[in-house]
Every structure is written in structure tokens, then in C-alpha cells.
Amino acid sequence: MSSARPRALVIASLLLALVSASAGASVAQPTRRQCLTPGETLDVIAANRLAGARETLGKAAGAARAEPLGARLCRWDDEFVYEITLLRSDGRVLRVFVDAASGKVVGSPADN
């Protein structure tokens, strides 16, 4: 299998998540969100065998064909999710949310 096919699936997943979030699709919203400090992030990644922030940011940037701006690890209820910020070539800023354990794109949390 060529590397283009998995990349196309990741791009499709990213786009679907973004369209669903903007269209108001019903996505289970976590009741609590807490983002970690860089020091806490390193400890949590090691303790829970999560993907690294740099690796996850790079994959998301490549899939979206955008420049990586930053990533932070947050706890959404009982799950760890990377909140990734990307800059597209047209100047739009994207926020992509990736499950830190599985690497799958997930819906956005409530911004309260």
C-alpha cells in the first residue's frame, strides 16, 4: 500500500472533524477540560505511553498541508487530547484535536 492512501485518510478525517465542528454536528462534549504545563506534559506522556507532541504536531501539519504553530496536551474528562494549532497557506488558522493515545482526530471541547 502506498503512503498516499494513509495520508489521504488522515486528511479526510481532519476535514470531516472540522466540517462537523463548524456545522454544529452533535459531538459528545466533555464536561471538564484542563490543559497541562510543558513539565506536566512530559510526565503524562511517559506515564501513559502517549504519542509525543512534536510527532503529533508534525503529522497533523503534514496531513493538513499547513505550518505547525503549536500543540498542547489537555485532559478532556478521562482522555488526553492534543490541541494543535496550524496555519494554512491562505492565512487561516486551524485548530485540530487529536486523541493522544490513538492519534485519531476528535471533536472540539466546549470553549467555556
PDB file of N, CA and C in Angstrom:
ATOM      1  N   MET A   1       0.847  -1.176   0.000  1.00  0.00           N
ATOM      2  CA  MET A   1       0.000   0.000   0.000  1.00  0.00           C
ATOM      3  C   MET A   1       0.888   1.233   0.000  1.00  0.00           C
ATOM      4  N   SER A   2       0.553   2.208  -0.815  1.00  0.00           N
ATOM      5  CA  SER A   2       1.376   3.409  -0.899  1.00  0.00           C
ATOM      6  C   SER A   2       1.122   4.316   0.286  1.00  0.00           C
ATOM      7  N   SER A   3       2.058   5.225   0.535  1.00  0.00           N
ATOM      8  CA  SER A   3       1.914   6.155   1.649  1.00  0.00           C
ATOM      9  C   SER A   3       0.872   7.221   1.356  1.00  0.00           C
ATOM     10  N   ALA A   4       0.460   7.366   0.106  1.00  0.00           N
ATOM     11  CA  ALA A   4      -0.545   8.364  -0.249  1.00  0.00           C
ATOM     12  C   ALA A   4      -1.913   7.996   0.310  1.00  0.00           C
ATOM     13  N   ARG A   5      -2.216   6.726   0.380  1.00  0.00           N
ATOM     14  CA  ARG A   5      -3.536   6.312   0.864  1.00  0.00           C
ATOM     15  C   ARG A   5      -3.733   6.622   2.341  1.00  0.00           C
ATOM     16  N   PRO A   6      -2.808   6.239   3.258  1.00  0.00           N
ATOM     17  CA  PRO A   6      -2.992   6.613   4.655  1.00  0.00           C
ATOM     18  C   PRO A   6      -3.030   8.126   4.843  1.00  0.00           C
ATOM     19  N   ARG A   7      -2.232   8.841   4.067  1.00  0.00           N
ATOM     20  CA  ARG A   7      -2.220  10.301   4.176  1.00  0.00           C
ATOM     21  C   ARG A   7      -3.574  10.872   3.758  1.00  0.00           C
ATOM     22  N   ALA A   8      -4.153  10.322   2.719  1.00  0.00           N
ATOM     23  CA  ALA A   8      -5.469  10.773   2.270  1.00  0.00           C
ATOM     24  C   ALA A   8      -6.525  10.508   3.335  1.00  0.00           C
ATOM     25  N   LEU A   9      -6.421   9.384   4.035  1.00  0.00           N
ATOM     26  CA  LEU A   9      -7.371   9.083   5.104  1.00  0.00           C
ATOM     27  C   LEU A   9      -7.238  10.070   6.253  1.00  0.00           C
ATOM     28  N   VAL A  10      -6.020  10.441   6.598  1.00  0.00           N
ATOM     29  CA  VAL A  10      -5.805  11.414   7.670  1.00  0.00           C
ATOM     30  C   VAL A  10      -6.366  12.767   7.268  1.00  0.00           C
ATOM     31  N   ILE A  11      -6.115  13.176   6.034  1.00  0.00           N
ATOM     32  CA  ILE A  11      -6.643  14.456   5.543  1.00  0.00           C
ATOM     33  C   ILE A  11      -8.166  14.441   5.577  1.00  0.00           C
ATOM     34  N   ALA A  12      -8.747  13.351   5.127  1.00  0.00           N
ATOM     35  CA  ALA A  12     -10.207  13.240   5.137  1.00  0.00           C
ATOM     36  C   ALA A  12     -10.751  13.304   6.556  1.00  0.00           C
ATOM     37  N   SER A  13     -10.073  12.668   7.498  1.00  0.00           N
ATOM     38  CA  SER A  13     -10.502  12.705   8.895  1.00  0.00           C
ATOM     39  C   SER A  13     -10.421  14.113   9.464  1.00  0.00           C
ATOM     40  N   LEU A  14      -9.340  14.811   9.152  1.00  0.00           N
ATOM     41  CA  LEU A  14      -9.186  16.194   9.614  1.00  0.00           C
ATOM     42  C   LEU A  14     -10.294  17.078   9.061  1.00  0.00           C
ATOM     43  N   LEU A  15     -10.548  16.957   7.769  1.00  0.00           N
ATOM     44  CA  LEU A  15     -11.581  17.777   7.145  1.00  0.00           C
ATOM     45  C   LEU A  15     -12.961  17.452   7.688  1.00  0.00           C
ATOM     46  N   LEU A  16     -13.250  16.183   7.899  1.00  0.00           N
ATOM     47  CA  LEU A  16     -14.538  15.785   8.444  1.00  0.00           C
ATOM     48  C   LEU A  16     -14.734  16.353   9.841  1.00  0.00           C
ATOM     49  N   ALA A  17     -13.695  16.297  10.662  1.00  0.00           N
ATOM     50  CA  ALA A  17     -13.790  16.840  12.019  1.00  0.00           C
ATOM     51  C   ALA A  17     -14.026  18.337  11.990  1.00  0.00           C
ATOM     52  N   LEU A  18     -13.339  19.040  11.093  1.00  0.00           N
ATOM     53  CA  LEU A  18     -13.506  20.487  11.004  1.00  0.00           C
ATOM     54  C   LEU A  18     -14.893  20.861  10.500  1.00  0.00           C
ATOM     55  N   VAL A  19     -15.391  20.153   9.485  1.00  0.00           N
ATOM     56  CA  VAL A  19     -16.723  20.428   8.948  1.00  0.00           C
ATOM     57  C   VAL A  19     -17.788  20.111   9.986  1.00  0.00           C
ATOM     58  N   SER A  20     -17.655  18.996  10.685  1.00  0.00           N
ATOM     59  CA  SER A  20     -18.628  18.615  11.704  1.00  0.00           C
ATOM     60  C   SER A  20     -18.686  19.639  12.823  1.00  0.00           C
ATOM     61  N   ALA A  21     -17.534  20.114  13.251  1.00  0.00           N
ATOM     62  CA  ALA A  21     -17.493  21.094  14.330  1.00  0.00           C
ATOM     63  C   ALA A  21     -18.125  22.405  13.890  1.00  0.00           C
ATOM     64  N   SER A  22     -17.861  22.839  12.658  1.00  0.00           N
ATOM     65  CA  SER A  22     -18.393  24.118  12.197  1.00  0.00           C
ATOM     66  C   SER A  22     -19.878  24.020  11.854  1.00  0.00           C
ATOM     67  N   ALA A  23     -20.357  22.836  11.518  1.00  0.00           N
ATOM     68  CA  ALA A  23     -21.765  22.668  11.169  1.00  0.00           C
ATOM     69  C   ALA A  23     -22.633  22.430  12.392  1.00  0.00           C
ATOM     70  N   GLY A  24     -22.037  22.364  13.557  1.00  0.00           N
ATOM     71  CA  GLY A  24     -22.812  22.162  14.779  1.00  0.00           C
ATOM     72  C   GLY A  24     -23.259  20.722  14.951  1.00  0.00           C
ATOM     73  N   ALA A  25     -22.547  19.793  14.363  1.00  0.00           N
ATOM     74  CA  ALA A  25     -22.905  18.384  14.498  1.00  0.00           C
ATOM     75  C   ALA A  25     -22.850  17.990  15.963  1.00  0.00           C
ATOM     76  N   SER A  26     -23.675  17.027  16.313  1.00  0.00           N
ATOM     77  CA  SER A  26     -23.691  16.634  17.718  1.00  0.00           C
ATOM     78  C   SER A  26     -22.460  15.800  18.031  1.00  0.00           C
ATOM     79  N   VAL A  27     -21.553  16.397  18.767  1.00  0.00           N
ATOM     80  CA  VAL A  27     -20.335  15.748  19.207  1.00  0.00           C
ATOM     81  C   VAL A  27     -20.388  15.735  20.720  1.00  0.00           C
ATOM     82  N   ALA A  28     -20.128  14.573  21.299  1.00  0.00           N
ATOM     83  CA  ALA A  28     -20.147  14.492  22.755  1.00  0.00           C
ATOM     84  C   ALA A  28     -19.128  15.472  23.319  1.00  0.00           C
ATOM     85  N   GLN A  29     -19.592  16.399  24.121  1.00  0.00           N
ATOM     86  CA  GLN A  29     -18.718  17.413  24.680  1.00  0.00           C
ATOM     87  C   GLN A  29     -18.271  17.000  26.078  1.00  0.00           C
ATOM     88  N   PRO A  30     -16.984  17.110  26.338  1.00  0.00           N
ATOM     89  CA  PRO A  30     -16.511  16.791  27.680  1.00  0.00           C
ATOM     90  C   PRO A  30     -17.018  17.823  28.674  1.00  0.00           C
ATOM     91  N   THR A  31     -17.182  17.387  29.880  1.00  0.00           N
ATOM     92  CA  THR A  31     -17.677  18.313  30.892  1.00  0.00           C
ATOM     93  C   THR A  31     -16.550  19.099  31.520  1.00  0.00           C
ATOM     94  N   ARG A  32     -15.325  18.620  31.387  1.00  0.00           N
ATOM     95  CA  ARG A  32     -14.202  19.291  32.016  1.00  0.00           C
ATOM     96  C   ARG A  32     -12.982  19.230  31.123  1.00  0.00           C
ATOM     97  N   ARG A  33     -12.279  20.353  31.014  1.00  0.00           N
ATOM     98  CA  ARG A  33     -11.070  20.421  30.194  1.00  0.00           C
ATOM     99  C   ARG A  33      -9.987  21.141  30.984  1.00  0.00           C
ATOM    100  N   GLN A  34      -8.814  20.524  31.042  1.00  0.00           N
ATOM    101  CA  GLN A  34      -7.692  21.124  31.748  1.00  0.00           C
ATOM    102  C   GLN A  34      -6.432  20.877  30.932  1.00  0.00           C
ATOM    103  N   CYS A  35      -5.778  21.960  30.506  1.00  0.00           N
ATOM    104  CA  CYS A  35      -4.551  21.822  29.731  1.00  0.00           C
ATOM    105  C   CYS A  35      -3.355  21.799  30.675  1.00  0.00           C
ATOM    106  N   LEU A  36      -2.348  21.037  30.281  1.00  0.00           N
ATOM    107  CA  LEU A  36      -1.188  20.797  31.131  1.00  0.00           C
ATOM    108  C   LEU A  36      -0.044  21.749  30.803  1.00  0.00           C
ATOM    109  N   THR A  37       0.818  21.963  31.784  1.00  0.00           N
ATOM    110  CA  THR A  37       2.034  22.738  31.563  1.00  0.00           C
ATOM    111  C   THR A  37       3.023  21.871  30.792  1.00  0.00           C
ATOM    112  N   PRO A  38       4.048  22.477  30.197  1.00  0.00           N
ATOM    113  CA  PRO A  38       5.045  21.659  29.488  1.00  0.00           C
ATOM    114  C   PRO A  38       5.687  20.590  30.376  1.00  0.00           C
ATOM    115  N   GLY A  39       5.976  20.916  31.625  1.00  0.00           N
ATOM    116  CA  GLY A  39       6.563  19.935  32.540  1.00  0.00           C
ATOM    117  C   GLY A  39       5.616  18.787  32.843  1.00  0.00           C
ATOM    118  N   GLU A  40       4.351  19.115  33.074  1.00  0.00           N
ATOM    119  CA  GLU A  40       3.347  18.080  33.319  1.00  0.00           C
ATOM    120  C   GLU A  40       3.158  17.213  32.081  1.00  0.00           C
ATOM    121  N   THR A  41       3.219  17.843  30.914  1.00  0.00           N
ATOM    122  CA  THR A  41       3.036  17.120  29.659  1.00  0.00           C
ATOM    123  C   THR A  41       4.058  16.003  29.514  1.00  0.00           C
ATOM    124  N   LEU A  42       5.314  16.297  29.778  1.00  0.00           N
ATOM    125  CA  LEU A  42       6.360  15.276  29.664  1.00  0.00           C
ATOM    126  C   LEU A  42       6.101  14.107  30.599  1.00  0.00           C
ATOM    127  N   ASP A  43       5.702  14.392  31.831  1.00  0.00           N
ATOM    128  CA  ASP A  43       5.412  13.335  32.802  1.00  0.00           C
ATOM    129  C   ASP A  43       4.224  12.479  32.368  1.00  0.00           C
ATOM    130  N   VAL A  44       3.166  13.123  31.888  1.00  0.00           N
ATOM    131  CA  VAL A  44       1.958  12.401  31.483  1.00  0.00           C
ATOM    132  C   VAL A  44       2.231  11.541  30.249  1.00  0.00           C
ATOM    133  N   ILE A  45       2.998  12.065  29.300  1.00  0.00           N
ATOM    134  CA  ILE A  45       3.331  11.286  28.099  1.00  0.00           C
ATOM    135  C   ILE A  45       4.070  10.011  28.494  1.00  0.00           C
ATOM    136  N   ALA A  46       5.039  10.149  29.371  1.00  0.00           N
ATOM    137  CA  ALA A  46       5.818   8.984  29.800  1.00  0.00           C
ATOM    138  C   ALA A  46       4.971   7.999  30.594  1.00  0.00           C
ATOM    139  N   ALA A  47       4.167   8.498  31.514  1.00  0.00           N
ATOM    140  CA  ALA A  47       3.376   7.630  32.385  1.00  0.00           C
ATOM    141  C   ALA A  47       2.261   6.900  31.636  1.00  0.00           C
ATOM    142  N   ASN A  48       1.741   7.515  30.585  1.00  0.00           N
ATOM    143  CA  ASN A  48       0.589   6.941  29.873  1.00  0.00           C
ATOM    144  C   ASN A  48       0.925   6.419  28.482  1.00  0.00           C
ATOM    145  N   ARG A  49       2.207   6.439  28.133  1.00  0.00           N
ATOM    146  CA  ARG A  49       2.662   5.956  26.815  1.00  0.00           C
ATOM    147  C   ARG A  49       1.906   6.625  25.669  1.00  0.00           C
ATOM    148  N   LEU A  50       1.839   7.943  25.719  1.00  0.00           N
ATOM    149  CA  LEU A  50       1.155   8.714  24.696  1.00  0.00           C
ATOM    150  C   LEU A  50       2.139   9.105  23.597  1.00  0.00           C
ATOM    151  N   ALA A  51       1.587   9.443  22.452  1.00  0.00           N
ATOM    152  CA  ALA A  51       2.421   9.956  21.363  1.00  0.00           C
ATOM    153  C   ALA A  51       2.999  11.292  21.786  1.00  0.00           C
ATOM    154  N   GLY A  52       4.189  11.600  21.323  1.00  0.00           N
ATOM    155  CA  GLY A  52       4.821  12.868  21.650  1.00  0.00           C
ATOM    156  C   GLY A  52       4.166  14.037  20.943  1.00  0.00           C
ATOM    157  N   ALA A  53       4.249  15.207  21.554  1.00  0.00           N
ATOM    158  CA  ALA A  53       3.626  16.407  20.995  1.00  0.00           C
ATOM    159  C   ALA A  53       4.241  16.760  19.644  1.00  0.00           C
ATOM    160  N   ARG A  54       5.550  16.711  19.538  1.00  0.00           N
ATOM    161  CA  ARG A  54       6.236  17.091  18.300  1.00  0.00           C
ATOM    162  C   ARG A  54       5.833  16.167  17.150  1.00  0.00           C
ATOM    163  N   GLU A  55       5.781  14.876  17.431  1.00  0.00           N
ATOM    164  CA  GLU A  55       5.392  13.894  16.409  1.00  0.00           C
ATOM    165  C   GLU A  55       3.946  14.122  15.955  1.00  0.00           C
ATOM    166  N   THR A  56       3.045  14.321  16.907  1.00  0.00           N
ATOM    167  CA  THR A  56       1.632  14.531  16.595  1.00  0.00           C
ATOM    168  C   THR A  56       1.435  15.827  15.823  1.00  0.00           C
ATOM    169  N   LEU A  57       2.134  16.886  16.231  1.00  0.00           N
ATOM    170  CA  LEU A  57       2.051  18.176  15.548  1.00  0.00           C
ATOM    171  C   LEU A  57       2.536  18.046  14.107  1.00  0.00           C
ATOM    172  N   GLY A  58       3.630  17.349  13.912  1.00  0.00           N
ATOM    173  CA  GLY A  58       4.172  17.163  12.568  1.00  0.00           C
ATOM    174  C   GLY A  58       3.238  16.394  11.655  1.00  0.00           C
ATOM    175  N   LYS A  59       2.626  15.345  12.186  1.00  0.00           N
ATOM    176  CA  LYS A  59       1.684  14.555  11.376  1.00  0.00           C
ATOM    177  C   LYS A  59       0.459  15.376  10.994  1.00  0.00           C
ATOM    178  N   ALA A  60      -0.076  16.129  11.952  1.00  0.00           N
ATOM    179  CA  ALA A  60      -1.255  16.950  11.674  1.00  0.00           C
ATOM    180  C   ALA A  60      -0.931  18.033  10.651  1.00  0.00           C
ATOM    181  N   ALA A  61       0.232  18.661  10.784  1.00  0.00           N
ATOM    182  CA  ALA A  61       0.644  19.711   9.844  1.00  0.00           C
ATOM    183  C   ALA A  61       0.818  19.133   8.442  1.00  0.00           C
ATOM    184  N   GLY A  62       1.433  17.972   8.347  1.00  0.00           N
ATOM    185  CA  GLY A  62       1.620  17.341   7.045  1.00  0.00           C
ATOM    186  C   GLY A  62       0.306  16.952   6.400  1.00  0.00           C
ATOM    187  N   ALA A  63      -0.600  16.402   7.187  1.00  0.00           N
ATOM    188  CA  ALA A  63      -1.890  15.970   6.660  1.00  0.00           C
ATOM    189  C   ALA A  63      -2.728  17.154   6.189  1.00  0.00           C
ATOM    190  N   ALA A  64      -2.656  18.261   6.912  1.00  0.00           N
ATOM    191  CA  ALA A  64      -3.449  19.436   6.563  1.00  0.00           C
ATOM    192  C   ALA A  64      -2.723  20.355   5.591  1.00  0.00           C
ATOM    193  N   ARG A  65      -1.474  20.026   5.279  1.00  0.00           N
ATOM    194  CA  ARG A  65      -0.634  20.873   4.428  1.00  0.00           C
ATOM    195  C   ARG A  65      -0.606  22.298   4.969  1.00  0.00           C
ATOM    196  N   ALA A  66      -0.238  22.388   6.247  1.00  0.00           N
ATOM    197  CA  ALA A  66      -0.210  23.672   6.939  1.00  0.00           C
ATOM    198  C   ALA A  66       1.045  23.753   7.791  1.00  0.00           C
ATOM    199  N   GLU A  67       1.395  24.961   8.169  1.00  0.00           N
ATOM    200  CA  GLU A  67       2.559  25.172   9.022  1.00  0.00           C
ATOM    201  C   GLU A  67       2.172  24.942  10.477  1.00  0.00           C
ATOM    202  N   PRO A  68       2.962  24.180  11.211  1.00  0.00           N
ATOM    203  CA  PRO A  68       2.658  23.952  12.624  1.00  0.00           C
ATOM    204  C   PRO A  68       2.961  25.205  13.442  1.00  0.00           C
ATOM    205  N   LEU A  69       2.019  25.580  14.306  1.00  0.00           N
ATOM    206  CA  LEU A  69       2.222  26.717  15.196  1.00  0.00           C
ATOM    207  C   LEU A  69       2.431  26.270  16.636  1.00  0.00           C
ATOM    208  N   GLY A  70       1.704  25.242  17.049  1.00  0.00           N
ATOM    209  CA  GLY A  70       1.867  24.784  18.422  1.00  0.00           C
ATOM    210  C   GLY A  70       0.931  23.645  18.764  1.00  0.00           C
ATOM    211  N   ALA A  71       1.262  22.991  19.866  1.00  0.00           N
ATOM    212  CA  ALA A  71       0.435  21.898  20.369  1.00  0.00           C
ATOM    213  C   ALA A  71       0.493  21.915  21.881  1.00  0.00           C
ATOM    214  N   ARG A  72      -0.628  21.602  22.487  1.00  0.00           N
ATOM    215  CA  ARG A  72      -0.633  21.457  23.935  1.00  0.00           C
ATOM    216  C   ARG A  72      -1.481  20.251  24.301  1.00  0.00           C
ATOM    217  N   LEU A  73      -1.077  19.592  25.362  1.00  0.00           N
ATOM    218  CA  LEU A  73      -1.781  18.401  25.819  1.00  0.00           C
ATOM    219  C   LEU A  73      -2.800  18.816  26.870  1.00  0.00           C
ATOM    220  N   CYS A  74      -4.021  18.369  26.694  1.00  0.00           N
ATOM    221  CA  CYS A  74      -5.099  18.686  27.629  1.00  0.00           C
ATOM    222  C   CYS A  74      -5.785  17.395  28.054  1.00  0.00           C
ATOM    223  N   ARG A  75      -6.370  17.443  29.218  1.00  0.00           N
ATOM    224  CA  ARG A  75      -7.198  16.325  29.691  1.00  0.00           C
ATOM    225  C   ARG A  75      -8.644  16.734  29.465  1.00  0.00           C
ATOM    226  N   TRP A  76      -9.354  15.919  28.691  1.00  0.00           N
ATOM    227  CA  TRP A  76     -10.787  16.101  28.488  1.00  0.00           C
ATOM    228  C   TRP A  76     -11.446  14.971  29.260  1.00  0.00           C
ATOM    229  N   ASP A  77     -12.001  15.292  30.401  1.00  0.00           N
ATOM    230  CA  ASP A  77     -12.535  14.276  31.302  1.00  0.00           C
ATOM    231  C   ASP A  77     -11.443  13.248  31.576  1.00  0.00           C
ATOM    232  N   ASP A  78     -11.587  12.017  31.082  1.00  0.00           N
ATOM    233  CA  ASP A  78     -10.605  10.965  31.366  1.00  0.00           C
ATOM    234  C   ASP A  78      -9.666  10.688  30.202  1.00  0.00           C
ATOM    235  N   GLU A  79      -9.696  11.510  29.178  1.00  0.00           N
ATOM    236  CA  GLU A  79      -8.879  11.298  27.984  1.00  0.00           C
ATOM    237  C   GLU A  79      -7.853  12.422  27.838  1.00  0.00           C
ATOM    238  N   PHE A  80      -6.732  12.119  27.182  1.00  0.00           N
ATOM    239  CA  PHE A  80      -5.735  13.128  26.868  1.00  0.00           C
ATOM    240  C   PHE A  80      -5.839  13.464  25.388  1.00  0.00           C
ATOM    241  N   VAL A  81      -5.910  14.743  25.080  1.00  0.00           N
ATOM    242  CA  VAL A  81      -6.098  15.213  23.715  1.00  0.00           C
ATOM    243  C   VAL A  81      -5.112  16.344  23.437  1.00  0.00           C
ATOM    244  N   TYR A  82      -4.470  16.276  22.269  1.00  0.00           N
ATOM    245  CA  TYR A  82      -3.626  17.378  21.829  1.00  0.00           C
ATOM    246  C   TYR A  82      -4.493  18.414  21.126  1.00  0.00           C
ATOM    247  N   GLU A  83      -4.348  19.660  21.513  1.00  0.00           N
ATOM    248  CA  GLU A  83      -4.969  20.771  20.805  1.00  0.00           C
ATOM    249  C   GLU A  83      -3.862  21.354  19.922  1.00  0.00           C
ATOM    250  N   ILE A  84      -4.014  21.197  18.626  1.00  0.00           N
ATOM    251  CA  ILE A  84      -2.971  21.559  17.672  1.00  0.00           C
ATOM    252  C   ILE A  84      -3.420  22.784  16.879  1.00  0.00           C
ATOM    253  N   THR A  85      -2.531  23.747  16.762  1.00  0.00           N
ATOM    254  CA  THR A  85      -2.809  24.962  16.008  1.00  0.00           C
ATOM    255  C   THR A  85      -1.916  24.973  14.773  1.00  0.00           C
ATOM    256  N   LEU A  86      -2.560  25.194  13.603  1.00  0.00           N
ATOM    257  CA  LEU A  86      -1.869  25.167  12.318  1.00  0.00           C
ATOM    258  C   LEU A  86      -2.199  26.433  11.527  1.00  0.00           C
ATOM    259  N   LEU A  87      -1.286  26.838  10.662  1.00  0.00           N
ATOM    260  CA  LEU A  87      -1.501  27.987   9.787  1.00  0.00           C
ATOM    261  C   LEU A  87      -1.476  27.519   8.343  1.00  0.00           C
ATOM    262  N   ARG A  88      -2.607  27.705   7.652  1.00  0.00           N
ATOM    263  CA  ARG A  88      -2.682  27.325   6.250  1.00  0.00           C
ATOM    264  C   ARG A  88      -2.047  28.388   5.373  1.00  0.00           C
ATOM    265  N   SER A  89      -1.742  28.038   4.139  1.00  0.00           N
ATOM    266  CA  SER A  89      -1.093  28.973   3.219  1.00  0.00           C
ATOM    267  C   SER A  89      -1.987  30.161   2.866  1.00  0.00           C
ATOM    268  N   ASP A  90      -3.310  30.023   3.054  1.00  0.00           N
ATOM    269  CA  ASP A  90      -4.215  31.139   2.776  1.00  0.00           C
ATOM    270  C   ASP A  90      -4.369  32.070   3.984  1.00  0.00           C
ATOM    271  N   GLY A  91      -3.610  31.802   5.054  1.00  0.00           N
ATOM    272  CA  GLY A  91      -3.635  32.659   6.234  1.00  0.00           C
ATOM    273  C   GLY A  91      -4.614  32.237   7.309  1.00  0.00           C
ATOM    274  N   ARG A  92      -5.405  31.212   7.068  1.00  0.00           N
ATOM    275  CA  ARG A  92      -6.371  30.746   8.065  1.00  0.00           C
ATOM    276  C   ARG A  92      -5.673  29.912   9.121  1.00  0.00           C
ATOM    277  N   VAL A  93      -6.107  30.107  10.353  1.00  0.00           N
ATOM    278  CA  VAL A  93      -5.585  29.323  11.472  1.00  0.00           C
ATOM    279  C   VAL A  93      -6.572  28.193  11.755  1.00  0.00           C
ATOM    280  N   LEU A  94      -6.045  26.977  11.842  1.00  0.00           N
ATOM    281  CA  LEU A  94      -6.863  25.797  12.127  1.00  0.00           C
ATOM    282  C   LEU A  94      -6.533  25.286  13.521  1.00  0.00           C
ATOM    283  N   ARG A  95      -7.540  24.798  14.218  1.00  0.00           N
ATOM    284  CA  ARG A  95      -7.321  24.079  15.467  1.00  0.00           C
ATOM    285  C   ARG A  95      -7.815  22.655  15.250  1.00  0.00           C
ATOM    286  N   VAL A  96      -6.912  21.716  15.444  1.00  0.00           N
ATOM    287  CA  VAL A  96      -7.215  20.299  15.250  1.00  0.00           C
ATOM    288  C   VAL A  96      -7.036  19.611  16.596  1.00  0.00           C
ATOM    289  N   PHE A  97      -7.930  18.695  16.919  1.00  0.00           N
ATOM    290  CA  PHE A  97      -7.901  17.998  18.195  1.00  0.00           C
ATOM    291  C   PHE A  97      -7.657  16.516  17.940  1.00  0.00           C
ATOM    292  N   VAL A  98      -6.572  16.001  18.529  1.00  0.00           N
ATOM    293  CA  VAL A  98      -6.133  14.628  18.269  1.00  0.00           C
ATOM    294  C   VAL A  98      -6.025  13.868  19.586  1.00  0.00           C
ATOM    295  N   ASP A  99      -6.672  12.706  19.642  1.00  0.00           N
ATOM    296  CA  ASP A  99      -6.559  11.841  20.812  1.00  0.00           C
ATOM    297  C   ASP A  99      -5.097  11.438  20.963  1.00  0.00           C
ATOM    298  N   ALA A 100      -4.514  11.708  22.125  1.00  0.00           N
ATOM    299  CA  ALA A 100      -3.077  11.484  22.329  1.00  0.00           C
ATOM    300  C   ALA A 100      -2.722  10.005  22.406  1.00  0.00           C
ATOM    301  N   ALA A 101      -3.670   9.159  22.730  1.00  0.00           N
ATOM    302  CA  ALA A 101      -3.391   7.726  22.814  1.00  0.00           C
ATOM    303  C   ALA A 101      -3.519   7.039  21.457  1.00  0.00           C
ATOM    304  N   SER A 102      -4.573   7.375  20.712  1.00  0.00           N
ATOM    305  CA  SER A 102      -4.846   6.678  19.452  1.00  0.00           C
ATOM    306  C   SER A 102      -4.340   7.423  18.224  1.00  0.00           C
ATOM    307  N   GLY A 103      -4.162   8.741  18.321  1.00  0.00           N
ATOM    308  CA  GLY A 103      -3.761   9.537  17.168  1.00  0.00           C
ATOM    309  C   GLY A 103      -4.910   9.915  16.262  1.00  0.00           C
ATOM    310  N   LYS A 104      -6.153   9.615  16.661  1.00  0.00           N
ATOM    311  CA  LYS A 104      -7.320   9.920  15.838  1.00  0.00           C
ATOM    312  C   LYS A 104      -7.830  11.329  16.121  1.00  0.00           C
ATOM    313  N   VAL A 105      -8.327  11.974  15.069  1.00  0.00           N
ATOM    314  CA  VAL A 105      -8.925  13.294  15.201  1.00  0.00           C
ATOM    315  C   VAL A 105     -10.235  13.154  15.964  1.00  0.00           C
ATOM    316  N   VAL A 106     -10.457  14.074  16.915  1.00  0.00           N
ATOM    317  CA  VAL A 106     -11.682  14.064  17.706  1.00  0.00           C
ATOM    318  C   VAL A 106     -12.349  15.430  17.618  1.00  0.00           C
ATOM    319  N   GLY A 107     -13.595  15.525  18.075  1.00  0.00           N
ATOM    320  CA  GLY A 107     -14.319  16.788  18.088  1.00  0.00           C
ATOM    321  C   GLY A 107     -13.745  17.746  19.104  1.00  0.00           C
ATOM    322  N   SER A 108     -14.133  19.001  19.016  1.00  0.00           N
ATOM    323  CA  SER A 108     -13.593  20.032  19.892  1.00  0.00           C
ATOM    324  C   SER A 108     -14.341  20.090  21.222  1.00  0.00           C
ATOM    325  N   PRO A 109     -13.672  20.542  22.275  1.00  0.00           N
ATOM    326  CA  PRO A 109     -14.329  20.694  23.562  1.00  0.00           C
ATOM    327  C   PRO A 109     -15.119  21.992  23.598  1.00  0.00           C
ATOM    328  N   ALA A 110     -16.011  22.119  24.558  1.00  0.00           N
ATOM    329  CA  ALA A 110     -16.721  23.376  24.755  1.00  0.00           C
ATOM    330  C   ALA A 110     -15.696  24.413  25.210  1.00  0.00           C
ATOM    331  N   ASP A 111     -15.733  25.588  24.640  1.00  0.00           N
ATOM    332  CA  ASP A 111     -14.763  26.633  24.976  1.00  0.00           C
ATOM    333  C   ASP A 111     -15.323  27.531  26.076  1.00  0.00           C
ATOM    334  N   ASN A 112     -15.560  26.966  27.211  1.00  0.00           N
ATOM    335  CA  ASN A 112     -16.064  27.757  28.347  1.00  0.00           C
ATOM    336  C   ASN A 112     -14.960  28.043  29.309  1.00  0.00           C
TER     337      ASN A 112
END
